[in-house]
Amino acid sequence: MIRLIRALVDSAALRHNLGTIRAYAPRARFMAVVKANAYGHGLVSTALALADADSFAVARLEEGLALRAAGVRAPIVLLEGVFSAEQLAEAANHGFELVVHDPLQLKLLEAHRGAERFVLWIKIDTGMNRLGFRPEGFPDALARARSLTVPALEVRLMTHLARADEREVAMTREQVAAFEQAIGATGLGGADRLATSIGNSAGILGWPNAHGDWVRPGLALYGVSPFSGESAAKHGLRPVMTLETTVLTVRDVKRGETVGYAGAWRAERDSSIAILAAGYGDGLPRHLNNGTPVLIGGARYPLVGRVSMDMIAVDVTGLAKVFTGNKAIVWGPNLPVEEIAVHAGTIPYELLCGVSQRVPVELA
């Protein structure tokens, strides 16, 4: 089948990035974050391509079930945990590891009468103020987890960094110190020390003391820099996704005529305008600005006019000839998604996760 638009996922680049990140944290184990459809790269296919990961992290139960249904047998961590007895039973049935960040989840575990033993990740909130027990509430949460009727198979500890992508900000050091202080206050150490997980992508690449025993790379795994103004290549990473589309037609537009809805762009000369099969129905932000680059035949051309549901317009005047059927790159190895994110006034995470379900994902 001829596809007008598709997301090509480079499995070799995925595995390369896995190895690169391991080199940044050689003493840590690797929890590959594949939530949100693997940041738009395809949940199941990405996990299967990353068979060497030590475990996988998803946000919700449904994502874990999809991986198990596809035959993924590696440990799977539910980052948001479970919120009902039914979800807990399902998680137990599939051997999921659970993040525990709320007293309700402890109550569910205390009421559970199954014979299963869980790996529990107790989350300590060190400043993100999203999920987790505050440091003063952590000792009680830990005590309850360790006194379950059916003891946990293992209790581990984690926190999440709020500003690791800002190297000049002290908050990451403060969060790591708060995490260690909270653990130290319980007297855990030596033979009683529990495994920890701290480092997200920015933590792994930018803060050697913010790794823990398990690292949790997400964005970097997909070949995107978590640091503003820094390329992925600087960190040895390779872009994984190429969003490829097709030229539907090339139109002659006379000087003074407008293109697209609301006449948002007006030709200052007689122009050749290529219409491409990509729009906000595919996940492109409607507010991409004029001048956003698109690659056709390896050359850059500027987007003109508003992004519509199914199409964008690109000014190809006076450059190499562009024809109907030519392939075009919205982002990929030679046009980083980080650059497109700047034009969109957003972050690469949003662009990747926003690729819509009608765009087929193909593993290369």
Protein backbone atom coordinates (compact mmCIF):
# COMPACT_ATOMS: atom_id res chain seq x y z
CA MET A 1 0.00 0.00 0.00
CA ILE A 2 1.25 3.48 -0.89
CA ARG A 3 1.19 5.66 2.22
CA LEU A 4 0.99 9.41 1.85
CA ILE A 5 2.41 9.95 5.33
CA ARG A 6 4.21 7.64 7.73
CA ALA A 7 6.49 7.66 10.75
CA LEU A 8 9.60 5.63 10.03
CA VAL A 9 11.25 4.29 13.20
CA ASP A 10 14.91 3.32 12.97
CA SER A 11 15.35 0.30 15.24
CA ALA A 12 19.13 0.40 14.80
CA ALA A 13 19.14 3.97 16.11
CA LEU A 14 17.06 2.85 19.10
CA ARG A 15 19.58 0.19 19.98
CA HIS A 16 22.46 2.60 19.38
CA ASN A 17 20.91 5.09 21.80
CA LEU A 18 20.42 2.35 24.36
CA GLY A 19 24.14 1.59 24.23
CA THR A 20 25.07 5.28 24.34
CA ILE A 21 22.95 5.91 27.43
CA ARG A 22 24.40 2.84 29.13
CA ALA A 23 27.85 4.39 28.66
CA TYR A 24 26.69 7.51 30.53
CA ALA A 25 25.48 5.41 33.46
CA PRO A 26 27.57 2.22 33.31
CA ARG A 27 26.75 1.07 36.84
CA ALA A 28 22.99 1.54 36.54
CA ARG A 29 20.31 -0.76 35.23
CA PHE A 30 18.15 0.44 32.38
CA MET A 31 14.39 1.06 32.60
CA ALA A 32 13.28 2.05 29.08
CA VAL A 33 10.36 4.49 29.23
CA VAL A 34 7.86 3.49 26.55
CA LYS A 35 4.74 5.22 27.86
CA ALA A 36 2.53 7.33 25.56
CA ASN A 37 2.97 4.90 22.67
CA ALA A 38 6.74 5.07 23.17
CA TYR A 39 6.64 8.83 22.67
CA GLY A 40 4.80 8.27 19.40
CA HIS A 41 7.24 5.64 18.13
CA GLY A 42 4.98 2.61 18.65
CA LEU A 43 4.65 0.94 22.05
CA VAL A 44 4.98 -2.72 21.12
CA SER A 45 7.46 -2.42 18.25
CA THR A 46 9.74 -0.19 20.32
CA ALA A 47 9.74 -2.59 23.27
CA LEU A 48 10.47 -5.54 20.99
CA ALA A 49 13.35 -3.61 19.41
CA LEU A 50 14.78 -2.88 22.87
CA ALA A 51 14.98 -6.47 24.05
CA ASP A 52 18.24 -5.69 25.87
CA ALA A 53 16.57 -3.23 28.26
CA ASP A 54 16.42 -4.46 31.86
CA SER A 55 12.79 -3.38 32.21
CA PHE A 56 10.15 -1.14 30.66
CA ALA A 57 8.24 1.73 32.21
CA VAL A 58 4.69 2.66 31.21
CA ALA A 59 2.29 5.11 32.78
CA ARG A 60 -0.84 3.00 33.00
CA LEU A 61 -2.14 -0.52 33.28
CA GLU A 62 -3.49 -0.65 29.73
CA GLU A 63 -0.04 0.00 28.29
CA GLY A 64 1.44 -2.82 30.32
CA LEU A 65 -1.31 -5.20 29.21
CA ALA A 66 -0.61 -4.36 25.56
CA LEU A 67 3.05 -5.27 26.04
CA ARG A 68 2.21 -8.57 27.75
CA ALA A 69 -0.29 -9.41 24.98
CA ALA A 70 2.53 -8.89 22.46
CA GLY A 71 4.74 -11.35 24.29
CA VAL A 72 6.97 -8.94 26.22
CA ARG A 73 8.06 -10.89 29.31
CA ALA A 74 10.54 -8.40 30.74
CA PRO A 75 9.68 -6.56 33.97
CA ILE A 76 7.15 -3.76 33.41
CA VAL A 77 6.80 -0.85 35.85
CA LEU A 78 3.49 1.02 36.15
CA LEU A 79 4.66 4.57 36.85
CA GLU A 80 1.25 5.77 38.01
CA GLY A 81 0.50 2.58 39.91
CA VAL A 82 -3.02 1.19 40.34
CA PHE A 83 -6.17 2.73 41.77
CA SER A 84 -8.65 -0.08 42.43
CA ALA A 85 -8.72 -3.65 43.70
CA GLU A 86 -9.54 -4.80 40.17
CA GLN A 87 -6.51 -3.04 38.72
CA LEU A 88 -4.32 -4.46 41.48
CA ALA A 89 -5.51 -7.99 40.73
CA GLU A 90 -4.82 -7.48 37.02
CA ALA A 91 -1.36 -6.11 37.76
CA ALA A 92 -0.64 -9.07 40.02
CA ASN A 93 -1.79 -11.50 37.37
CA HIS A 94 0.71 -10.07 34.87
CA GLY A 95 3.58 -9.57 37.28
CA PHE A 96 3.78 -5.80 36.97
CA GLU A 97 6.00 -3.76 39.25
CA LEU A 98 4.07 -0.98 40.99
CA VAL A 99 4.99 2.59 41.79
CA VAL A 100 3.35 3.52 45.10
CA HIS A 101 2.88 7.25 45.59
CA ASP A 102 -0.42 7.66 47.46
CA PRO A 103 -1.91 6.27 50.71
CA LEU A 104 -4.81 4.78 48.70
CA GLN A 105 -2.38 2.45 46.97
CA LEU A 106 -1.03 1.26 50.30
CA LYS A 107 -4.60 0.56 51.46
CA LEU A 108 -5.23 -1.50 48.33
CA LEU A 109 -2.10 -3.54 48.96
CA GLU A 110 -3.00 -4.05 52.62
CA ALA A 111 -6.44 -5.34 51.61
CA HIS A 112 -5.11 -7.61 48.87
CA ARG A 113 -5.41 -11.30 49.74
CA GLY A 114 -3.70 -12.83 46.75
CA ALA A 115 -0.54 -14.87 47.05
CA GLU A 116 1.40 -12.69 44.61
CA ARG A 117 4.47 -10.84 45.79
CA PHE A 118 5.11 -7.46 44.22
CA VAL A 119 8.13 -5.36 43.42
CA LEU A 120 7.11 -1.99 44.84
CA TRP A 121 8.69 1.35 43.94
CA ILE A 122 7.93 3.90 46.67
CA LYS A 123 8.07 7.36 45.18
CA ILE A 124 9.43 10.22 47.29
CA ASP A 125 8.39 13.71 46.24
CA THR A 126 11.56 15.82 46.48
CA GLY A 127 10.17 18.95 44.85
CA MET A 128 8.26 18.09 41.69
CA ASN A 129 4.99 18.29 43.70
CA ARG A 130 3.22 15.91 41.38
CA LEU A 131 3.29 12.31 42.61
CA GLY A 132 4.98 10.84 45.67
CA PHE A 133 5.14 10.91 49.44
CA ARG A 134 6.66 14.01 50.92
CA PRO A 135 9.90 13.24 52.82
CA GLU A 136 8.19 13.53 56.19
CA GLY A 137 5.54 11.00 55.11
CA PHE A 138 7.98 8.56 53.53
CA PRO A 139 9.00 6.61 56.70
CA ASP A 140 5.39 5.66 57.41
CA ALA A 141 4.80 4.65 53.78
CA LEU A 142 7.93 2.52 53.83
CA ALA A 143 6.94 0.84 57.10
CA ARG A 144 3.50 -0.01 55.73
CA ALA A 145 4.96 -1.42 52.53
CA ARG A 146 7.37 -3.62 54.47
CA SER A 147 4.68 -4.95 56.79
CA LEU A 148 2.20 -6.14 54.17
CA THR A 149 0.46 -9.43 54.93
CA VAL A 150 1.97 -10.77 51.73
CA PRO A 151 5.43 -9.17 51.89
CA ALA A 152 6.68 -7.28 48.89
CA LEU A 153 9.08 -9.27 46.76
CA GLU A 154 11.30 -6.19 46.89
CA VAL A 155 10.90 -2.56 47.88
CA ARG A 156 12.75 0.05 45.82
CA LEU A 157 12.78 3.84 45.95
CA MET A 158 12.47 6.53 43.30
CA THR A 159 12.06 10.24 42.78
CA HIS A 160 11.61 12.45 39.74
CA LEU A 161 13.72 15.43 38.72
CA ALA A 162 11.92 18.66 37.89
CA ARG A 163 14.66 20.80 36.31
CA ALA A 164 17.48 18.49 35.30
CA ASP A 165 17.41 20.02 31.81
CA GLU A 166 18.65 23.30 33.34
CA ARG A 167 22.27 22.71 34.34
CA GLU A 168 22.68 26.17 35.80
CA VAL A 169 19.83 25.63 38.29
CA ALA A 170 20.64 24.12 41.69
CA MET A 171 17.33 22.29 42.08
CA THR A 172 18.64 18.95 40.83
CA ARG A 173 21.40 18.88 43.45
CA GLU A 174 18.83 19.88 46.06
CA GLN A 175 16.43 17.13 45.00
CA VAL A 176 19.14 14.46 45.11
CA ALA A 177 20.19 15.67 48.55
CA ALA A 178 16.58 15.62 49.77
CA PHE A 179 16.16 12.09 48.41
CA GLU A 180 19.28 10.83 50.17
CA GLN A 181 18.32 12.64 53.37
CA ALA A 182 14.86 11.06 53.36
CA ILE A 183 16.37 7.61 52.91
CA GLY A 184 19.03 8.25 55.54
CA ALA A 185 16.42 9.31 58.08
CA THR A 186 15.03 5.76 58.05
CA GLY A 187 18.41 4.29 58.96
CA LEU A 188 18.62 2.34 55.72
CA GLY A 189 22.17 1.70 54.65
CA GLY A 190 24.77 -0.97 54.18
CA ALA A 191 23.13 -4.37 53.85
CA ASP A 192 19.70 -2.75 54.33
CA ARG A 193 20.14 -0.31 51.46
CA LEU A 194 17.28 -0.31 48.95
CA ALA A 195 17.72 0.07 45.20
CA THR A 196 16.99 3.55 43.86
CA SER A 197 16.00 5.24 40.61
CA ILE A 198 16.56 8.95 39.97
CA GLY A 199 17.86 9.77 36.51
CA ASN A 200 15.57 10.74 33.67
CA SER A 201 17.13 11.62 30.29
CA ALA A 202 18.50 14.98 31.41
CA GLY A 203 19.62 13.54 34.72
CA ILE A 204 21.53 10.76 32.98
CA LEU A 205 23.27 13.02 30.46
CA GLY A 206 23.88 16.08 32.60
CA TRP A 207 24.13 15.02 36.24
CA PRO A 208 26.42 12.04 36.97
CA ASN A 209 25.41 12.10 40.64
CA ALA A 210 21.70 11.91 39.79
CA HIS A 211 21.46 8.40 38.40
CA GLY A 212 20.65 5.90 41.14
CA ASP A 213 20.77 2.14 40.65
CA TRP A 214 18.18 2.33 37.86
CA VAL A 215 17.95 5.07 35.23
CA ARG A 216 14.74 5.88 33.36
CA PRO A 217 15.56 7.37 29.93
CA GLY A 218 12.71 8.52 27.75
CA LEU A 219 13.40 11.35 25.30
CA ALA A 220 17.10 10.55 24.90
CA LEU A 221 16.26 6.97 24.02
CA TYR A 222 14.47 8.32 20.94
CA GLY A 223 17.46 10.37 19.86
CA VAL A 224 16.35 13.79 21.06
CA SER A 225 18.33 16.12 23.31
CA PRO A 226 16.61 17.04 26.58
CA PHE A 227 18.66 20.26 26.74
CA SER A 228 17.52 23.42 24.99
CA GLY A 229 20.02 24.55 22.38
CA GLU A 230 21.99 21.30 22.39
CA SER A 231 21.81 18.74 19.62
CA ALA A 232 21.28 15.05 20.21
CA ALA A 233 24.45 14.41 18.23
CA LYS A 234 26.47 16.25 20.91
CA HIS A 235 25.53 13.42 23.26
CA GLY A 236 26.15 10.66 20.74
CA LEU A 237 22.44 10.06 20.10
CA ARG A 238 20.78 9.35 16.76
CA PRO A 239 17.24 10.46 15.84
CA VAL A 240 14.88 7.50 15.71
CA MET A 241 11.77 8.88 13.99
CA THR A 242 11.48 10.29 10.49
CA LEU A 243 8.07 11.81 9.77
CA GLU A 244 7.78 11.42 6.02
CA THR A 245 5.02 12.77 3.81
CA THR A 246 4.22 13.27 0.12
CA VAL A 247 3.81 16.18 -2.28
CA LEU A 248 0.17 16.07 -3.41
CA THR A 249 0.49 18.76 -6.06
CA VAL A 250 2.51 21.82 -7.04
CA ARG A 251 0.53 25.00 -7.82
CA ASP A 252 1.38 28.30 -9.46
CA VAL A 253 0.37 31.19 -7.24
CA LYS A 254 0.49 34.72 -8.65
CA ARG A 255 2.01 37.69 -6.86
CA GLY A 256 -0.53 39.13 -4.41
CA GLU A 257 -2.58 35.94 -4.06
CA THR A 258 -2.96 34.21 -0.70
CA VAL A 259 -2.54 30.58 0.34
CA GLY A 260 -4.68 28.64 2.80
CA TYR A 261 -7.26 29.55 5.40
CA ALA A 262 -7.70 33.21 6.35
CA GLY A 263 -5.19 34.30 3.72
CA ALA A 264 -2.48 34.12 6.35
CA TRP A 265 0.30 34.20 3.73
CA ARG A 266 0.44 36.38 0.64
CA ALA A 267 2.82 35.80 -2.26
CA GLU A 268 5.22 38.68 -2.78
CA ARG A 269 6.17 37.27 -6.22
CA ASP A 270 4.86 34.70 -8.65
CA SER A 271 5.41 31.52 -6.68
CA SER A 272 5.42 27.74 -6.87
CA ILE A 273 3.65 26.22 -3.88
CA ALA A 274 3.87 22.52 -3.04
CA ILE A 275 0.93 21.05 -1.11
CA LEU A 276 1.95 18.24 1.25
CA ALA A 277 -0.11 15.52 2.91
CA ALA A 278 0.44 16.51 6.53
CA GLY A 279 -1.73 18.55 8.89
CA TYR A 280 -3.06 18.84 12.38
CA GLY A 281 -5.07 15.67 11.76
CA ASP A 282 -1.67 13.96 11.66
CA GLY A 283 -0.38 15.74 14.73
CA LEU A 284 1.31 18.84 13.34
CA PRO A 285 0.57 21.89 15.50
CA ARG A 286 -1.78 24.32 13.78
CA HIS A 287 0.36 27.21 14.98
CA LEU A 288 3.56 26.18 13.16
CA ASN A 289 4.85 29.50 11.90
CA ASN A 290 5.65 30.63 8.38
CA GLY A 291 9.21 29.68 7.54
CA THR A 292 9.20 26.36 9.37
CA PRO A 293 11.54 24.22 7.25
CA VAL A 294 10.51 21.09 5.38
CA LEU A 295 12.96 18.86 3.49
CA ILE A 296 12.23 17.83 -0.10
CA GLY A 297 15.00 16.10 -1.99
CA GLY A 298 17.43 17.08 0.73
CA ALA A 299 16.76 20.82 0.30
CA ARG A 300 14.97 23.04 2.81
CA TYR A 301 11.77 24.82 1.86
CA PRO A 302 9.69 27.15 4.06
CA LEU A 303 6.16 26.39 5.21
CA VAL A 304 3.68 29.12 4.16
CA GLY A 305 0.14 29.76 5.37
CA ARG A 306 -1.74 27.97 8.10
CA VAL A 307 -1.51 24.28 8.85
CA SER A 308 -4.86 22.73 7.94
CA MET A 309 -6.29 19.37 8.97
CA ASP A 310 -4.74 17.33 6.19
CA MET A 311 -2.32 19.60 4.35
CA ILE A 312 0.47 22.13 4.60
CA ALA A 313 1.83 24.44 1.90
CA VAL A 314 5.52 24.93 1.17
CA ASP A 315 7.13 27.60 -1.01
CA VAL A 316 9.38 25.86 -3.55
CA THR A 317 9.85 28.87 -5.84
CA GLY A 318 13.06 29.12 -7.83
CA LEU A 319 14.77 26.11 -6.32
CA ALA A 320 15.23 22.53 -7.52
CA LYS A 321 12.16 21.28 -9.34
CA VAL A 322 9.59 19.65 -7.07
CA PHE A 323 6.98 17.28 -8.48
CA THR A 324 3.79 15.59 -7.38
CA GLY A 325 4.69 12.36 -5.59
CA ASN A 326 8.02 13.58 -4.21
CA LYS A 327 8.70 12.57 -0.62
CA ALA A 328 9.14 15.25 2.02
CA ILE A 329 10.52 15.16 5.55
CA VAL A 330 8.72 17.03 8.34
CA TRP A 331 11.42 15.98 10.82
CA GLY A 332 14.13 13.36 10.86
CA PRO A 333 17.92 12.89 10.99
CA ASN A 334 18.70 15.94 8.82
CA LEU A 335 15.91 18.10 10.24
CA PRO A 336 15.83 17.58 14.02
CA VAL A 337 12.49 17.56 15.77
CA GLU A 338 14.08 19.91 18.31
CA GLU A 339 14.31 22.55 15.55
CA ILE A 340 10.67 22.09 14.51
CA ALA A 341 9.65 22.38 18.17
CA VAL A 342 11.19 25.86 18.31
CA HIS A 343 9.07 26.94 15.32
CA ALA A 344 6.01 25.45 17.03
CA GLY A 345 6.72 27.17 20.33
CA THR A 346 6.66 23.83 22.13
CA ILE A 347 8.94 20.96 23.17
CA PRO A 348 9.97 17.87 21.19
CA TYR A 349 8.02 15.61 23.59
CA GLU A 350 4.73 17.18 22.47
CA LEU A 351 5.48 16.84 18.76
CA LEU A 352 6.51 13.18 19.03
CA CYS A 353 3.65 12.18 21.32
CA GLY A 354 1.22 14.13 19.18
CA VAL A 355 1.69 12.05 16.02
CA SER A 356 -1.87 10.88 15.45
CA GLN A 357 -3.19 7.35 15.15
CA ARG A 358 -3.89 7.72 11.45
CA VAL A 359 -0.14 8.01 10.77
CA PRO A 360 1.20 4.46 10.34
CA VAL A 361 4.37 3.70 12.29
CA GLU A 362 6.82 1.52 10.36
CA LEU A 363 9.88 -0.08 11.92
CA ALA A 364 12.97 0.06 9.75
